[in-house]
């Protein structure tokens, strides 16, 4: 009889050892806390060699990183190796070495669940493969988070006590002081700069003018090197730095702790009288803060540009002439710089939106289209007209708060394009407003189950503000030949006809057309040529127009307002390609 040999070798379990220390104190020693944690974890792995455990040679050590966050370089490398399938178990000294946040631990467990990773603590016995072990682990994490929060409270209390004793504990000192052995020492070179700023603030009407003068003189902010070796500060003095400097009580010998001031142990570098004079100037020049009111910006959160960017509320102007804008450039580093900036005057777009909504409820044909989109045919025209007139009167007499709630309910979004304003209305809410007569209506969410059925209300308007560096997109093409006299004369007559109409607005077109020996229809077509794109007008005058373009084709073509469509219709795109 032959017996089959059964292999009893356990499967290999690749163990990664992770260590962490919150502070950098002691890391320079030959044997530090990270080494101690690693040795104990390595000994624990060696004791389980009979189970197939094997220590991986890669070190995952985070020295000087808090357990309250997962933003740690060694931990990121550990996660990357887990995702690469190189690790089977993570071994650490205590669970709080991995994380001290319960929320971070839950996210960590969820993200690593699909990799079947085991968590092993050397000093705390639990097994995450069983429900009891997972419960014990959650309890330990809860106490770890509690310990971290208690430690944070103790540190806050200690810092507050040090501030009450007049010690500076806010990190790097401001310009004018150096920090030596934990105490502030006056830097005479920088202190003279600070005194000069306090003296000269009265000589300039605004802080920005003072900032420009300081930049011309080469004055820079305080420069220092962070604990990670990164250069911070040392940049040209900007307005924010000047504002912070002027309101800092440190320069008159006080330490600020929230709203309280405590007498400091450092030497002041600015006299109290000079400092009080600067504060009085700041108070006089300060712009009054306007309390945030959503109804003041009726389209806040509802208005977008045609590139899909939300427009943010900003203010501009100076003195009594202050303007509100909806601006596409939010103060965020991730903005799309390849797109041109869009800015519209808030009062103008809000007025146009209001008048457009009032006109919409007075137009029976548009309201009828909304009901047709919803598949509703039962309402008679006369009844619909009466309900629409009643709603239009209510909208016309609504205050700002009621209009805001109406806009939130009706608008899917408002879009600003180059030549139009697009109002996208929820058909269901328009129909509900007309059938129930409930006004004002409350804010609603998106229709459940599907996207809301919308009606596009388009209004021709040029709302986008031109920039200071705005130029018309006219490319100078090389002269190809002599201009066509008929086309040039036609353009000249078109502008002359437009000037005649603008000077005689009270007279009918038929009477003005006689001055050009034309009928009313052709006279209107002639005036329409003044809406040609500027580059097309320049091409006709320079003689760079397509050969097939004639005066008859130009005046009798169905000329669109869109400049790109004009180029396609009249053959200019093809002509420009030949020139290039």
Protein backbone atom coordinates (compact mmCIF):
# COMPACT_ATOMS: atom_id res chain seq x y z
CA UNK A 1 0.00 0.00 0.00
CA UNK A 2 1.23 3.44 -0.92
CA UNK A 3 0.12 6.45 1.11
CA UNK A 4 -0.32 9.83 -0.60
CA UNK A 5 1.92 12.50 0.89
CA UNK A 6 -0.18 15.49 1.94
CA UNK A 7 1.64 18.81 2.13
CA UNK A 8 1.18 20.54 5.49
CA UNK A 9 3.06 23.75 4.55
CA UNK A 10 0.81 26.75 5.38
CA UNK A 11 0.28 29.42 2.74
CA UNK A 12 2.66 32.35 2.78
CA UNK A 13 1.27 35.53 4.38
CA UNK A 14 3.26 38.64 3.40
CA UNK A 15 3.30 41.05 6.35
CA UNK A 16 4.00 44.77 6.01
CA UNK A 17 5.06 46.56 9.21
CA UNK A 18 3.78 50.12 9.63
CA UNK A 19 5.13 52.55 12.23
CA UNK A 20 4.22 56.16 13.07
CA UNK A 21 5.30 58.90 15.47
CA UNK A 22 3.36 62.17 15.90
CA UNK A 23 6.29 64.52 16.52
CA UNK A 24 9.76 64.83 15.04
CA UNK A 25 11.36 65.11 18.49
CA UNK A 26 13.78 62.22 19.01
CA UNK A 27 13.86 61.04 15.40
CA UNK A 28 17.51 62.13 15.11
CA UNK A 29 18.54 59.57 17.74
CA UNK A 30 20.27 56.37 16.72
CA UNK A 31 17.41 54.29 18.18
CA UNK A 32 14.06 56.06 18.14
CA UNK A 33 10.41 55.17 18.66
CA UNK A 34 9.97 54.00 15.05
CA UNK A 35 12.83 51.49 15.45
CA UNK A 36 11.33 50.20 18.70
CA UNK A 37 7.90 49.71 17.09
CA UNK A 38 9.46 47.90 14.11
CA UNK A 39 11.51 45.53 16.30
CA UNK A 40 8.46 44.51 18.35
CA UNK A 41 6.37 43.97 15.20
CA UNK A 42 9.17 41.97 13.55
CA UNK A 43 9.45 39.74 16.63
CA UNK A 44 5.68 39.18 16.57
CA UNK A 45 5.82 38.17 12.89
CA UNK A 46 8.74 35.80 13.59
CA UNK A 47 6.72 34.11 16.36
CA UNK A 48 4.05 33.30 13.77
CA UNK A 49 6.37 31.84 11.14
CA UNK A 50 4.69 28.45 11.67
CA UNK A 51 1.51 30.04 10.27
CA UNK A 52 3.35 31.11 7.10
CA UNK A 53 3.94 34.73 8.18
CA UNK A 54 6.84 36.48 6.43
CA UNK A 55 8.10 40.02 7.03
CA UNK A 56 8.47 42.21 3.94
CA UNK A 57 11.75 44.17 3.75
CA UNK A 58 10.08 47.49 2.76
CA UNK A 59 9.90 50.04 5.57
CA UNK A 60 6.70 52.07 6.00
CA UNK A 61 7.68 54.70 8.58
CA UNK A 62 5.87 58.02 9.12
CA UNK A 63 7.88 60.20 11.48
CA UNK A 64 6.33 63.53 12.47
CA UNK A 65 2.80 62.89 11.15
CA UNK A 66 -0.43 63.05 13.15
CA UNK A 67 -2.79 60.09 13.39
CA UNK A 68 -5.78 62.39 12.87
CA UNK A 69 -5.32 62.39 9.10
CA UNK A 70 -4.53 59.86 6.36
CA UNK A 71 -2.29 62.30 4.46
CA UNK A 72 0.98 60.51 5.24
CA UNK A 73 3.62 59.54 2.62
CA UNK A 74 4.49 56.11 4.00
CA UNK A 75 0.80 55.25 4.43
CA UNK A 76 0.18 56.20 0.79
CA UNK A 77 3.01 53.89 -0.30
CA UNK A 78 1.48 51.14 1.84
CA UNK A 79 -1.91 51.59 0.14
CA UNK A 80 -0.26 51.53 -3.28
CA UNK A 81 1.48 48.22 -2.52
CA UNK A 82 -1.79 46.77 -1.19
CA UNK A 83 -3.52 47.67 -4.45
CA UNK A 84 -0.63 46.09 -6.36
CA UNK A 85 -1.29 42.78 -4.54
CA UNK A 86 2.07 42.69 -2.72
CA UNK A 87 0.71 42.63 0.87
CA UNK A 88 -1.53 40.18 2.75
CA UNK A 89 -1.46 41.63 6.30
CA UNK A 90 -0.62 44.97 7.93
CA UNK A 91 1.15 44.72 11.31
CA UNK A 92 1.46 47.67 13.73
CA UNK A 93 2.33 48.23 17.38
CA UNK A 94 -1.07 49.67 18.44
CA UNK A 95 -4.18 50.55 16.49
CA UNK A 96 -3.65 54.28 17.15
CA UNK A 97 -0.38 54.04 15.16
CA UNK A 98 -2.50 53.39 12.07
CA UNK A 99 -5.14 56.06 12.72
CA UNK A 100 -6.75 57.92 15.61
CA UNK A 101 -9.89 58.90 13.69
CA UNK A 102 -12.93 56.63 13.69
CA UNK A 103 -14.23 58.13 10.44
CA UNK A 104 -10.84 57.59 8.71
CA UNK A 105 -10.70 54.02 10.00
CA UNK A 106 -14.15 53.21 8.59
CA UNK A 107 -13.13 54.62 5.18
CA UNK A 108 -9.87 52.65 5.40
CA UNK A 109 -11.66 49.38 6.14
CA UNK A 110 -14.14 49.93 3.31
CA UNK A 111 -11.43 50.73 0.75
CA UNK A 112 -9.26 47.71 1.70
CA UNK A 113 -12.11 45.21 2.11
CA UNK A 114 -11.90 44.06 -1.52
CA UNK A 115 -8.20 43.14 -1.08
CA UNK A 116 -8.87 40.77 1.91
CA UNK A 117 -6.24 42.52 4.02
CA UNK A 118 -5.83 41.54 7.70
CA UNK A 119 -5.00 44.11 10.40
CA UNK A 120 -2.76 42.85 13.21
CA UNK A 121 -1.94 44.76 16.41
CA UNK A 122 1.01 43.49 18.43
CA UNK A 123 -0.27 44.74 21.81
CA UNK A 124 -4.03 44.34 21.21
CA UNK A 125 -5.41 40.92 20.36
CA UNK A 126 -8.18 40.93 17.76
CA UNK A 127 -9.01 39.19 14.50
CA UNK A 128 -10.78 41.26 11.83
CA UNK A 129 -12.06 38.14 10.09
CA UNK A 130 -14.64 37.63 12.90
CA UNK A 131 -17.53 39.88 13.97
CA UNK A 132 -16.30 40.01 17.59
CA UNK A 133 -12.86 41.11 16.42
CA UNK A 134 -14.31 43.88 14.26
CA UNK A 135 -16.40 45.10 17.21
CA UNK A 136 -13.34 45.17 19.50
CA UNK A 137 -11.43 47.02 16.80
CA UNK A 138 -14.14 49.69 16.52
CA UNK A 139 -14.13 50.15 20.31
CA UNK A 140 -10.35 50.58 20.31
CA UNK A 141 -10.53 53.13 17.50
CA UNK A 142 -13.23 55.05 19.40
CA UNK A 143 -10.99 55.30 22.46
CA UNK A 144 -8.02 56.26 20.26
CA UNK A 145 -10.03 59.14 18.79
CA UNK A 146 -11.15 60.15 22.29
CA UNK A 147 -7.52 60.16 23.44
CA UNK A 148 -6.50 62.33 20.48
CA UNK A 149 -9.28 64.84 21.18
CA UNK A 150 -8.37 64.99 24.89
CA UNK A 151 -4.73 65.59 23.92
CA UNK A 152 -5.83 68.36 21.56
CA UNK A 153 -7.87 70.02 24.32
CA UNK A 154 -4.92 69.89 26.70
CA UNK A 155 -2.65 71.49 24.10
CA UNK A 156 -5.22 74.26 23.45
CA UNK A 157 -5.49 74.96 27.17
CA UNK A 158 -1.70 75.10 27.49
CA UNK A 159 -1.35 77.53 24.58
CA UNK A 160 -4.13 79.75 25.97
CA UNK A 161 -2.36 79.84 29.33
CA UNK A 162 0.92 80.80 27.65
CA UNK A 163 -0.81 83.62 25.75
CA UNK A 164 -2.29 84.91 29.03
CA UNK A 165 1.25 85.06 30.38
CA UNK A 166 2.27 87.18 27.38
CA UNK A 167 4.20 84.55 25.40
CA UNK A 168 4.07 84.35 21.59
CA UNK A 169 3.01 80.82 20.58
CA UNK A 170 1.53 81.44 17.10
CA UNK A 171 4.34 79.87 15.09
CA UNK A 172 6.57 82.09 12.95
CA UNK A 173 6.85 85.73 14.06
CA UNK A 174 5.67 88.61 11.84
CA UNK A 175 7.96 91.10 10.14
CA UNK A 176 9.82 93.17 12.73
CA UNK A 177 10.61 90.31 15.11
CA UNK A 178 12.79 87.19 15.24
CA UNK A 179 12.07 84.17 17.45
CA UNK A 180 15.06 83.15 19.55
CA UNK A 181 14.74 80.43 22.23
CA UNK A 182 10.95 80.69 22.08
CA UNK A 183 10.86 84.46 22.71
CA UNK A 184 10.37 87.45 20.39
CA UNK A 185 13.42 89.63 19.80
CA UNK A 186 13.22 92.92 17.88
CA UNK A 187 14.82 92.90 14.41
CA UNK A 188 15.83 96.56 14.08
CA UNK A 189 16.04 96.55 10.27
CA UNK A 190 12.55 95.10 9.86
CA UNK A 191 11.21 97.17 12.79
CA UNK A 192 12.09 100.38 10.96
CA UNK A 193 10.12 99.16 7.93
CA UNK A 194 7.09 98.51 10.16
CA UNK A 195 7.31 101.96 11.73
CA UNK A 196 7.58 103.52 8.26
CA UNK A 197 4.40 101.75 7.12
CA UNK A 198 2.50 103.02 10.15
CA UNK A 199 3.75 106.58 9.54
CA UNK A 200 3.03 106.62 5.79
CA UNK A 201 -0.43 105.06 5.86
CA UNK A 202 -1.90 108.57 6.28
CA UNK A 203 0.03 109.89 3.25
CA UNK A 204 -1.75 107.59 0.78
CA UNK A 205 -5.51 107.61 0.14
CA UNK A 206 -5.68 103.81 -0.17
CA UNK A 207 -3.65 100.84 1.00
CA UNK A 208 -3.19 99.73 -2.62
CA UNK A 209 -1.27 102.93 -3.44
CA UNK A 210 0.91 102.38 -0.39
CA UNK A 211 1.43 98.78 -1.54
CA UNK A 212 2.67 99.94 -4.98
CA UNK A 213 5.12 102.33 -3.35
CA UNK A 214 6.48 99.62 -1.06
CA UNK A 215 6.84 97.25 -4.00
CA UNK A 216 8.82 99.90 -5.91
CA UNK A 217 11.10 100.25 -2.88
CA UNK A 218 11.63 96.48 -2.79
CA UNK A 219 9.98 95.85 0.58
CA UNK A 220 9.19 92.16 1.06
CA UNK A 221 7.28 90.02 3.55
CA UNK A 222 8.95 88.03 6.32
CA UNK A 223 10.90 85.07 4.93
CA UNK A 224 11.56 81.82 6.75
CA UNK A 225 12.10 78.12 6.07
CA UNK A 226 9.50 75.56 7.19
CA UNK A 227 10.37 72.38 9.09
CA UNK A 228 10.16 70.47 5.79
CA UNK A 229 12.72 72.81 4.17
CA UNK A 230 10.25 74.84 2.10
CA UNK A 231 10.88 78.56 1.58
CA UNK A 232 7.90 80.60 2.79
CA UNK A 233 7.42 84.35 2.46
CA UNK A 234 9.98 86.76 1.04
CA UNK A 235 7.47 87.94 -1.60
CA UNK A 236 6.75 91.58 -2.57
CA UNK A 237 4.56 93.30 -0.02
CA UNK A 238 0.87 92.96 -0.93
CA UNK A 239 -2.32 94.56 0.37
CA UNK A 240 -3.25 91.63 2.61
CA UNK A 241 0.12 91.77 4.37
CA UNK A 242 -0.29 95.50 5.00
CA UNK A 243 -3.80 95.06 6.40
CA UNK A 244 -2.62 92.29 8.76
CA UNK A 245 0.34 94.40 9.84
CA UNK A 246 -1.79 97.48 10.61
CA UNK A 247 -4.26 95.62 12.82
CA UNK A 248 -1.74 93.43 14.67
CA UNK A 249 -1.54 94.47 18.39
CA UNK A 250 1.76 92.61 18.69
CA UNK A 251 3.56 95.79 17.57
CA UNK A 252 2.33 97.74 20.63
CA UNK A 253 3.25 95.00 23.09
CA UNK A 254 0.11 92.85 23.33
CA UNK A 255 -0.58 89.16 22.62
CA UNK A 256 -3.98 88.49 21.04
CA UNK A 257 -6.04 85.47 22.15
CA UNK A 258 -9.31 85.58 20.23
CA UNK A 259 -11.01 88.83 21.23
CA UNK A 260 -8.82 89.27 24.31
CA UNK A 261 -5.50 91.10 24.53
CA UNK A 262 -2.82 90.23 27.10
CA UNK A 263 0.26 92.24 27.98
CA UNK A 264 3.20 90.61 26.22
CA UNK A 265 6.71 89.93 27.45
CA UNK A 266 8.26 91.25 24.23
CA UNK A 267 9.39 94.81 23.42
CA UNK A 268 6.90 96.90 21.37
CA UNK A 269 8.24 98.59 18.22
CA UNK A 270 5.37 101.03 17.48
CA UNK A 271 4.13 103.80 19.75
CA UNK A 272 0.53 103.50 20.92
CA UNK A 273 -0.41 106.94 19.56
CA UNK A 274 0.85 106.05 16.07
CA UNK A 275 -0.96 102.71 16.18
CA UNK A 276 -4.26 104.35 17.28
CA UNK A 277 -3.98 106.87 14.46
CA UNK A 278 -3.63 104.04 11.90
CA UNK A 279 -6.69 102.25 13.35
CA UNK A 280 -8.75 105.45 13.09
CA UNK A 281 -7.79 105.80 9.42
CA UNK A 282 -8.70 102.17 8.77
CA UNK A 283 -12.11 102.70 10.37
CA UNK A 284 -12.81 105.80 8.27
CA UNK A 285 -11.75 104.18 4.99
CA UNK A 286 -13.40 100.82 5.62
CA UNK A 287 -16.28 99.93 3.29
CA UNK A 288 -19.41 99.00 5.25
CA UNK A 289 -20.11 95.29 5.13
CA UNK A 290 -23.45 94.46 3.60
CA UNK A 291 -25.27 91.61 5.32
CA UNK A 292 -25.69 88.59 3.06
CA UNK A 293 -29.14 88.49 1.56
CA UNK A 294 -29.99 85.92 -1.10
CA UNK A 295 -32.85 88.06 -2.40
CA UNK A 296 -30.35 90.87 -3.05
CA UNK A 297 -28.71 88.65 -5.68
CA UNK A 298 -31.81 87.11 -7.22
CA UNK A 299 -29.92 84.77 -9.56
CA UNK A 300 -27.24 83.60 -7.12
CA UNK A 301 -26.70 79.86 -7.66
CA UNK A 302 -29.01 79.82 -10.70
CA UNK A 303 -26.94 81.62 -13.36
CA UNK A 304 -24.31 79.97 -15.61
CA UNK A 305 -22.40 80.83 -18.75
CA UNK A 306 -22.69 78.88 -22.00
CA UNK A 307 -19.47 76.95 -21.19
CA UNK A 308 -21.16 75.38 -18.16
CA UNK A 309 -19.41 77.48 -15.50
CA UNK A 310 -21.48 78.84 -12.61
CA UNK A 311 -21.28 82.61 -12.22
CA UNK A 312 -20.33 83.90 -8.77
CA UNK A 313 -21.50 87.15 -7.20
CA UNK A 314 -18.83 89.87 -6.98
CA UNK A 315 -18.77 93.63 -6.46
CA UNK A 316 -16.79 96.38 -8.16
CA UNK A 317 -16.46 100.12 -8.42
CA UNK A 318 -15.27 102.60 -5.83
CA UNK A 319 -16.80 105.12 -3.47
CA UNK A 320 -20.53 105.57 -3.89
CA UNK A 321 -20.52 103.92 -7.32
CA UNK A 322 -20.60 100.25 -6.39
CA UNK A 323 -21.77 97.62 -8.85
CA UNK A 324 -22.74 93.98 -8.51
CA UNK A 325 -21.56 91.43 -11.06
CA UNK A 326 -22.00 87.77 -11.88
CA UNK A 327 -18.47 86.63 -12.65
CA UNK A 328 -17.15 83.35 -14.10
CA UNK A 329 -13.76 83.59 -12.37
CA UNK A 330 -14.20 82.23 -8.87
CA UNK A 331 -11.33 82.48 -6.41
CA UNK A 332 -10.21 78.91 -6.84
CA UNK A 333 -6.95 77.46 -8.23
CA UNK A 334 -8.75 74.94 -10.47
CA UNK A 335 -10.47 77.41 -12.78
CA UNK A 336 -10.33 76.79 -16.54
CA UNK A 337 -7.89 79.36 -17.87
CA UNK A 338 -8.37 78.39 -21.52
CA UNK A 339 -11.91 79.83 -21.41
CA UNK A 340 -12.46 83.56 -21.69
CA UNK A 341 -13.78 85.41 -18.66
CA UNK A 342 -17.52 86.15 -18.51
CA UNK A 343 -18.83 89.04 -16.42
CA UNK A 344 -22.35 90.51 -16.49
CA UNK A 345 -23.87 93.37 -14.55
CA UNK A 346 -26.15 91.85 -11.92
CA UNK A 347 -28.77 94.58 -12.06
CA UNK A 348 -29.08 94.36 -15.85
CA UNK A 349 -29.43 90.60 -16.08
CA UNK A 350 -31.87 90.57 -13.15
CA UNK A 351 -34.01 93.29 -14.74
CA UNK A 352 -34.03 91.45 -18.06
CA UNK A 353 -34.96 88.18 -16.35
CA UNK A 354 -37.83 89.87 -14.52
CA UNK A 355 -39.25 91.53 -17.65
CA UNK A 356 -38.84 88.29 -19.64
CA UNK A 357 -40.80 86.28 -17.06
CA UNK A 358 -43.57 88.90 -17.00
CA UNK A 359 -43.74 88.85 -20.82
CA UNK A 360 -43.74 85.05 -20.83
CA UNK A 361 -46.89 84.86 -18.69
CA UNK A 362 -48.56 87.41 -20.97
CA UNK A 363 -47.81 85.38 -24.13
CA UNK A 364 -50.52 82.73 -24.58
CA UNK A 365 -48.66 80.92 -27.40
CA UNK A 366 -45.58 80.26 -25.22
CA UNK A 367 -47.69 79.08 -22.30
CA UNK A 368 -49.60 76.79 -24.63
CA UNK A 369 -46.29 75.22 -25.74
CA UNK A 370 -45.44 74.43 -22.11
CA UNK A 371 -48.71 72.51 -21.70
CA UNK A 372 -48.15 70.72 -25.02
CA UNK A 373 -44.69 69.58 -23.81
CA UNK A 374 -46.45 67.99 -20.82
CA UNK A 375 -49.06 66.41 -23.10
CA UNK A 376 -51.96 68.41 -21.65
CA UNK A 377 -54.66 69.56 -24.05
CA UNK A 378 -57.69 69.87 -21.79
CA UNK A 379 -57.34 73.55 -20.80
CA UNK A 380 -59.19 76.01 -23.03
CA UNK A 381 -57.42 79.07 -24.40
CA UNK A 382 -59.76 81.55 -22.73
CA UNK A 383 -59.33 79.95 -19.31
CA UNK A 384 -55.57 79.73 -19.77
CA UNK A 385 -55.38 83.41 -20.75
CA UNK A 386 -57.26 84.49 -17.62
CA UNK A 387 -55.02 82.43 -15.33
CA UNK A 388 -51.87 83.68 -17.07
CA UNK A 389 -52.92 87.33 -16.73
CA UNK A 390 -53.57 86.84 -13.02
CA UNK A 391 -50.12 85.25 -12.51
CA UNK A 392 -48.42 88.00 -14.57
CA UNK A 393 -49.96 90.68 -12.30
CA UNK A 394 -48.81 88.82 -9.18
CA UNK A 395 -45.26 88.49 -10.56
CA UNK A 396 -45.15 92.19 -11.48
CA UNK A 397 -46.02 93.21 -7.89
CA UNK A 398 -43.79 90.67 -6.07
CA UNK A 399 -41.04 91.71 -3.69
CA UNK A 400 -37.45 90.43 -3.86
CA UNK A 401 -38.02 87.50 -1.48
CA UNK A 402 -41.06 86.26 -3.41
CA UNK A 403 -39.21 86.60 -6.72
CA UNK A 404 -36.29 84.58 -5.37
CA UNK A 405 -38.57 81.71 -4.33
CA UNK A 406 -40.33 81.90 -7.70
CA UNK A 407 -37.01 81.71 -9.57
CA UNK A 408 -35.83 78.75 -7.49
CA UNK A 409 -39.00 76.86 -8.35
CA UNK A 410 -39.28 77.79 -12.04
CA UNK A 411 -35.67 77.88 -13.28
CA UNK A 412 -33.60 74.81 -14.01
CA UNK A 413 -30.85 77.29 -14.82
CA UNK A 414 -30.23 80.68 -16.41
CA UNK A 415 -27.52 80.85 -19.09
CA UNK A 416 -25.75 83.95 -20.39
CA UNK A 417 -24.48 83.69 -23.97
CA UNK A 418 -22.79 86.28 -26.18
CA UNK A 419 -25.99 87.45 -27.87
CA UNK A 420 -28.81 86.03 -25.75
CA UNK A 421 -30.12 85.18 -22.31
CA UNK A 422 -31.52 81.66 -21.94
CA UNK A 423 -34.10 80.92 -19.28
CA UNK A 424 -34.75 77.20 -18.85
CA UNK A 425 -38.13 76.76 -17.16
CA UNK A 426 -39.56 73.68 -15.47
CA UNK A 427 -42.71 72.90 -17.39
CA UNK A 428 -44.33 71.09 -14.47
CA UNK A 429 -43.87 74.08 -12.12
CA UNK A 430 -45.16 76.55 -14.72
CA UNK A 431 -48.29 74.41 -15.22
CA UNK A 432 -48.76 74.01 -11.46
CA UNK A 433 -48.51 77.76 -10.93
CA UNK A 434 -51.09 78.44 -13.65
CA UNK A 435 -53.56 75.74 -12.63
CA UNK A 436 -53.46 76.11 -8.84
CA UNK A 437 -52.80 79.83 -8.60
CA UNK A 438 -50.60 79.26 -5.50
CA UNK A 439 -48.18 82.11 -5.19
CA UNK A 440 -45.45 82.45 -4.09
CA UNK A 441 -44.46 78.83 -4.59
CA UNK A 442 -41.89 77.01 -2.49
CA UNK A 443 -38.57 75.74 -3.70
CA UNK A 444 -38.70 72.28 -5.26
CA UNK A 445 -36.13 69.69 -6.18
CA UNK A 446 -35.61 67.94 -9.48
CA UNK A 447 -38.45 65.81 -10.81
CA UNK A 448 -38.16 62.32 -9.35
CA UNK A 449 -37.40 59.45 -11.66
CA UNK A 450 -36.27 61.50 -14.68
CA UNK A 451 -34.87 64.84 -15.75
CA UNK A 452 -37.40 67.69 -15.59
CA UNK A 453 -39.13 68.66 -18.81
CA UNK A 454 -37.97 72.14 -19.69
CA UNK A 455 -39.01 75.02 -21.91
CA UNK A 456 -36.28 77.27 -23.32
CA UNK A 457 -37.14 80.95 -23.19
CA UNK A 458 -34.52 82.80 -25.26
CA UNK A 459 -34.07 86.58 -25.14
CA UNK A 460 -31.77 88.46 -27.51
CA UNK A 461 -29.39 90.57 -25.42
CA UNK A 462 -25.73 91.58 -25.18
CA UNK A 463 -25.12 91.33 -21.43
CA UNK A 464 -21.46 90.28 -21.28
CA UNK A 465 -19.24 93.18 -20.21
CA UNK A 466 -16.31 94.04 -22.49
CA UNK A 467 -12.86 93.94 -20.91
CA UNK A 468 -10.36 96.75 -20.99
CA UNK A 469 -8.21 94.79 -23.42
CA UNK A 470 -11.20 93.86 -25.59
CA UNK A 471 -10.58 93.93 -29.34
CA UNK A 472 -12.68 92.76 -32.24
CA UNK A 473 -11.37 89.49 -33.73
CA UNK A 474 -10.33 90.95 -37.11
CA UNK A 475 -7.35 89.27 -38.71
CA UNK A 476 -5.44 91.43 -41.19
CA UNK A 477 -5.29 89.47 -44.44
CA UNK A 478 -2.92 90.35 -47.29
CA UNK A 479 -4.44 92.47 -50.04
CA UNK A 480 -5.40 90.23 -52.93
CA UNK A 481 -6.79 92.68 -55.44
CA UNK A 482 -8.71 95.88 -55.94
CA UNK A 483 -11.99 96.30 -54.03
CA UNK A 484 -15.31 95.71 -55.78
CA UNK A 485 -16.80 99.20 -56.16
CA UNK A 486 -20.39 97.89 -56.13
CA UNK A 487 -19.90 96.04 -52.83
CA UNK A 488 -18.13 98.99 -51.20
CA UNK A 489 -20.84 101.42 -52.36
CA UNK A 490 -23.49 99.02 -51.05
CA UNK A 491 -21.91 99.03 -47.58
CA UNK A 492 -21.62 102.83 -47.64
CA UNK A 493 -25.29 103.20 -48.57
CA UNK A 494 -26.25 100.74 -45.83
CA UNK A 495 -24.59 102.82 -43.10
CA UNK A 496 -26.04 106.02 -44.57
CA UNK A 497 -29.52 104.45 -44.49
CA UNK A 498 -29.03 103.39 -40.87
CA UNK A 499 -27.95 106.92 -39.91
CA UNK A 500 -31.05 108.32 -41.60
CA UNK A 501 -33.32 105.97 -39.65
CA UNK A 502 -31.63 106.78 -36.33
CA UNK A 503 -32.00 110.51 -36.99
CA UNK A 504 -35.70 110.19 -37.94
CA UNK A 505 -37.11 107.59 -35.59
CA UNK A 506 -40.60 109.05 -35.68
CA UNK A 507 -41.01 108.67 -39.46
CA UNK A 508 -42.18 105.45 -41.15
CA UNK A 509 -39.77 103.28 -43.13
CA UNK A 510 -41.75 103.75 -46.34
CA UNK A 511 -41.18 107.52 -46.24
CA UNK A 512 -37.45 107.20 -45.47
CA UNK A 513 -36.93 104.64 -48.23
CA UNK A 514 -37.96 107.20 -50.85
CA UNK A 515 -34.81 109.20 -50.11
CA UNK A 516 -32.81 106.20 -51.41
CA UNK A 517 -35.27 105.51 -54.25
CA UNK A 518 -36.01 102.07 -52.80
CA UNK A 519 -39.08 100.21 -51.59
CA UNK A 520 -39.55 99.52 -47.86
CA UNK A 521 -38.52 95.84 -48.17
CA UNK A 522 -35.26 96.47 -50.02
CA UNK A 523 -34.53 99.47 -47.78
CA UNK A 524 -34.80 97.15 -44.74
CA UNK A 525 -32.48 94.62 -46.42
CA UNK A 526 -29.98 97.42 -47.06
CA UNK A 527 -29.93 98.47 -43.40
CA UNK A 528 -29.40 94.85 -42.37
CA UNK A 529 -25.97 94.87 -44.07
CA UNK A 530 -24.68 97.05 -41.20
CA UNK A 531 -24.88 93.92 -39.01
CA UNK A 532 -22.18 92.17 -41.04
CA UNK A 533 -19.27 90.88 -38.99
CA UNK A 534 -16.46 93.49 -38.73
CA UNK A 535 -13.92 91.22 -40.41
CA UNK A 536 -16.31 90.67 -43.34
CA UNK A 537 -16.76 94.42 -43.77
CA UNK A 538 -12.97 94.86 -43.67
CA UNK A 539 -12.50 92.08 -46.25
CA UNK A 540 -14.99 93.71 -48.64
CA UNK A 541 -13.33 97.13 -48.31
CA UNK A 542 -9.82 95.61 -48.80
CA UNK A 543 -10.92 93.49 -51.77
CA UNK A 544 -10.33 90.16 -49.97
CA UNK A 545 -13.88 88.85 -50.36
CA UNK A 546 -14.76 85.63 -52.26
CA UNK A 547 -14.93 86.00 -56.03
CA UNK A 548 -18.49 84.63 -56.19
CA UNK A 549 -19.80 87.29 -53.78
CA UNK A 550 -21.88 89.85 -55.69
CA UNK A 551 -23.95 92.83 -54.65
CA UNK A 552 -27.15 90.96 -55.55
CA UNK A 553 -26.18 87.96 -53.39
CA UNK A 554 -25.15 90.18 -50.51
CA UNK A 555 -28.35 92.18 -50.28
CA UNK A 556 -30.84 89.39 -51.05
CA UNK A 557 -29.29 86.65 -48.91
CA UNK A 558 -31.03 85.64 -45.66
CA UNK A 559 -28.38 87.25 -43.51
CA UNK A 560 -28.17 85.65 -40.00
CA UNK A 561 -27.04 87.62 -36.95
CA UNK A 562 -24.44 85.02 -35.97
CA UNK A 563 -21.06 86.06 -37.42
CA UNK A 564 -19.85 82.51 -37.96
CA UNK A 565 -23.00 81.64 -39.92
CA UNK A 566 -22.48 84.79 -42.00
CA UNK A 567 -19.00 83.60 -42.99
CA UNK A 568 -20.32 80.17 -43.98
CA UNK A 569 -23.28 81.61 -45.94
CA UNK A 570 -21.25 84.15 -47.92
CA UNK A 571 -18.27 81.84 -48.51
CA UNK A 572 -15.72 83.75 -46.46
CA UNK A 573 -14.42 80.67 -44.60
CA UNK A 574 -13.40 79.14 -47.89
CA UNK A 575 -11.83 82.39 -49.03
CA UNK A 576 -9.76 82.73 -45.86
CA UNK A 577 -8.46 79.16 -46.26
CA UNK A 578 -7.28 79.98 -49.79
CA UNK A 579 -5.50 83.07 -48.52
CA UNK A 580 -3.70 81.11 -45.85
